[in-house]
Structure formats: structure tokens, C-alpha cells
Amino acid sequence: MQSRLKLYTGEETPVSTPAVDRVSISLGELAAILTDATQSRRAWLRDFDTEDVEISSDLFEVLSTYWNLRRRRA
């Protein structure tokens, strides 16, 4: 069977989109892992510096307020 070359023009919709793997973890467990990795200066932590993390809006408000108050005191 002869294979056909297909030119992609950007107008076609992909047949399927890759599934995104998501995992739930408690904030306490995540904080403990990140604290240990930061204190131990683990190199792999820098590999994820630009990764986006989804959090609830109320947690975002608390973290933003904390960060702003902390910077004012410094």
C-alpha cells in the first residue's frame, strides 16, 4: 500500500487530544515535600519552576494576602 503525504495547514481539528494526567495531593503533604526539597536544595525542584499549579481561589487569596503582608514587614 502506498503511503500518502498529508500537508498540515493548521485548519484541521486534531482527531484526539492527549489526556492530561492529574493527581490530587493534600496541601500538607505537598508543603512537607516542597519544604524538604527546598531545604535540601534539590536540583530537580528548579526543573519545575515554570510549571503551573491549580489551587482554589480561597487558598490563592490567603497566599496572596500572606505574601503581601510579609513583603511589607521586610
C-alpha atoms as a PDB file:
ATOM      1  CA  MET A   1       0.000   0.000   0.000  1.00  0.00           C
ATOM      2  CA  GLN A   2       1.306   3.416  -0.915  1.00  0.00           C
ATOM      3  CA  SER A   3       1.516   5.940   1.936  1.00  0.00           C
ATOM      4  CA  ARG A   4       0.139   9.403   1.349  1.00  0.00           C
ATOM      5  CA  LEU A   5       1.858  12.574   2.458  1.00  0.00           C
ATOM      6  CA  LYS A   6      -0.517  14.969   4.177  1.00  0.00           C
ATOM      7  CA  LEU A   7       0.150  18.701   4.400  1.00  0.00           C
ATOM      8  CA  TYR A   8      -0.914  20.301   7.677  1.00  0.00           C
ATOM      9  CA  THR A   9      -2.332  23.794   7.159  1.00  0.00           C
ATOM     10  CA  GLY A  10      -3.455  24.480  10.718  1.00  0.00           C
ATOM     11  CA  GLU A  11      -7.140  24.476   9.775  1.00  0.00           C
ATOM     12  CA  GLU A  12      -7.864  20.901  10.738  1.00  0.00           C
ATOM     13  CA  THR A  13      -9.084  19.900  14.182  1.00  0.00           C
ATOM     14  CA  PRO A  14      -6.936  17.231  15.827  1.00  0.00           C
ATOM     15  CA  VAL A  15      -8.551  13.817  15.916  1.00  0.00           C
ATOM     16  CA  SER A  16      -7.843  13.350  19.610  1.00  0.00           C
ATOM     17  CA  THR A  17      -6.232  15.435  22.279  1.00  0.00           C
ATOM     18  CA  PRO A  18      -3.752  13.835  24.652  1.00  0.00           C
ATOM     19  CA  ALA A  19      -5.080  13.181  28.127  1.00  0.00           C
ATOM     20  CA  VAL A  20      -3.563  15.288  30.879  1.00  0.00           C
ATOM     21  CA  ASP A  21      -2.581  13.317  33.938  1.00  0.00           C
ATOM     22  CA  ARG A  22      -3.786  14.926  37.146  1.00  0.00           C
ATOM     23  CA  VAL A  23      -3.190  13.801  40.693  1.00  0.00           C
ATOM     24  CA  SER A  24      -4.692  15.073  43.936  1.00  0.00           C
ATOM     25  CA  ILE A  25      -2.486  15.599  46.982  1.00  0.00           C
ATOM     26  CA  SER A  26      -3.202  17.299  50.276  1.00  0.00           C
ATOM     27  CA  LEU A  27      -1.662  20.714  50.791  1.00  0.00           C
ATOM     28  CA  GLY A  28       0.024  19.445  53.947  1.00  0.00           C
ATOM     29  CA  GLU A  29       1.767  16.627  52.118  1.00  0.00           C
ATOM     30  CA  LEU A  30       2.776  18.906  49.237  1.00  0.00           C
ATOM     31  CA  ALA A  31       4.100  21.533  51.651  1.00  0.00           C
ATOM     32  CA  ALA A  32       6.166  18.940  53.528  1.00  0.00           C
ATOM     33  CA  ILE A  33       7.710  17.609  50.307  1.00  0.00           C
ATOM     34  CA  LEU A  34       8.472  21.068  48.919  1.00  0.00           C
ATOM     35  CA  THR A  35       9.868  22.291  52.242  1.00  0.00           C
ATOM     36  CA  ASP A  36      12.223  19.324  52.457  1.00  0.00           C
ATOM     37  CA  ALA A  37      13.273  19.686  48.810  1.00  0.00           C
ATOM     38  CA  THR A  38      13.896  23.418  49.247  1.00  0.00           C
ATOM     39  CA  GLN A  39      15.910  22.988  52.437  1.00  0.00           C
ATOM     40  CA  SER A  40      17.905  20.172  50.827  1.00  0.00           C
ATOM     41  CA  ARG A  41      18.456  22.305  47.716  1.00  0.00           C
ATOM     42  CA  ARG A  42      17.292  19.557  45.394  1.00  0.00           C
ATOM     43  CA  ALA A  43      18.166  20.327  41.778  1.00  0.00           C
ATOM     44  CA  TRP A  44      15.000  18.712  40.409  1.00  0.00           C
ATOM     45  CA  LEU A  45      12.908  21.402  42.065  1.00  0.00           C
ATOM     46  CA  ARG A  46      14.270  24.005  39.635  1.00  0.00           C
ATOM     47  CA  ASP A  47      13.110  21.854  36.719  1.00  0.00           C
ATOM     48  CA  PHE A  48       9.536  22.700  37.659  1.00  0.00           C
ATOM     49  CA  ASP A  49       9.953  26.453  38.269  1.00  0.00           C
ATOM     50  CA  THR A  50       7.722  27.341  35.317  1.00  0.00           C
ATOM     51  CA  GLU A  51       5.048  24.703  35.944  1.00  0.00           C
ATOM     52  CA  ASP A  52       1.537  25.965  36.614  1.00  0.00           C
ATOM     53  CA  VAL A  53      -0.258  24.617  39.669  1.00  0.00           C
ATOM     54  CA  GLU A  54      -4.017  24.864  40.107  1.00  0.00           C
ATOM     55  CA  ILE A  55      -5.261  25.888  43.538  1.00  0.00           C
ATOM     56  CA  SER A  56      -8.632  27.019  44.859  1.00  0.00           C
ATOM     57  CA  SER A  57      -9.449  30.720  44.722  1.00  0.00           C
ATOM     58  CA  ASP A  58      -9.770  30.980  48.504  1.00  0.00           C
ATOM     59  CA  LEU A  59      -6.321  29.449  49.012  1.00  0.00           C
ATOM     60  CA  PHE A  60      -4.955  31.856  46.412  1.00  0.00           C
ATOM     61  CA  GLU A  61      -6.447  34.811  48.325  1.00  0.00           C
ATOM     62  CA  VAL A  62      -4.892  33.621  51.601  1.00  0.00           C
ATOM     63  CA  LEU A  63      -1.485  33.057  49.988  1.00  0.00           C
ATOM     64  CA  SER A  64      -1.577  36.435  48.197  1.00  0.00           C
ATOM     65  CA  THR A  65      -2.532  38.278  51.370  1.00  0.00           C
ATOM     66  CA  TYR A  66       0.172  36.485  53.353  1.00  0.00           C
ATOM     67  CA  TRP A  67       2.809  37.265  50.724  1.00  0.00           C
ATOM     68  CA  ASN A  68       1.844  40.946  50.506  1.00  0.00           C
ATOM     69  CA  LEU A  69       1.861  41.374  54.297  1.00  0.00           C
ATOM     70  CA  ARG A  70       5.188  39.559  54.583  1.00  0.00           C
ATOM     71  CA  ARG A  71       6.814  41.815  51.972  1.00  0.00           C
ATOM     72  CA  ARG A  72       5.583  44.962  53.753  1.00  0.00           C
ATOM     73  CA  ARG A  73       7.226  43.864  57.000  1.00  0.00           C
ATOM     74  CA  ALA A  74      10.550  43.072  55.347  1.00  0.00           C
END
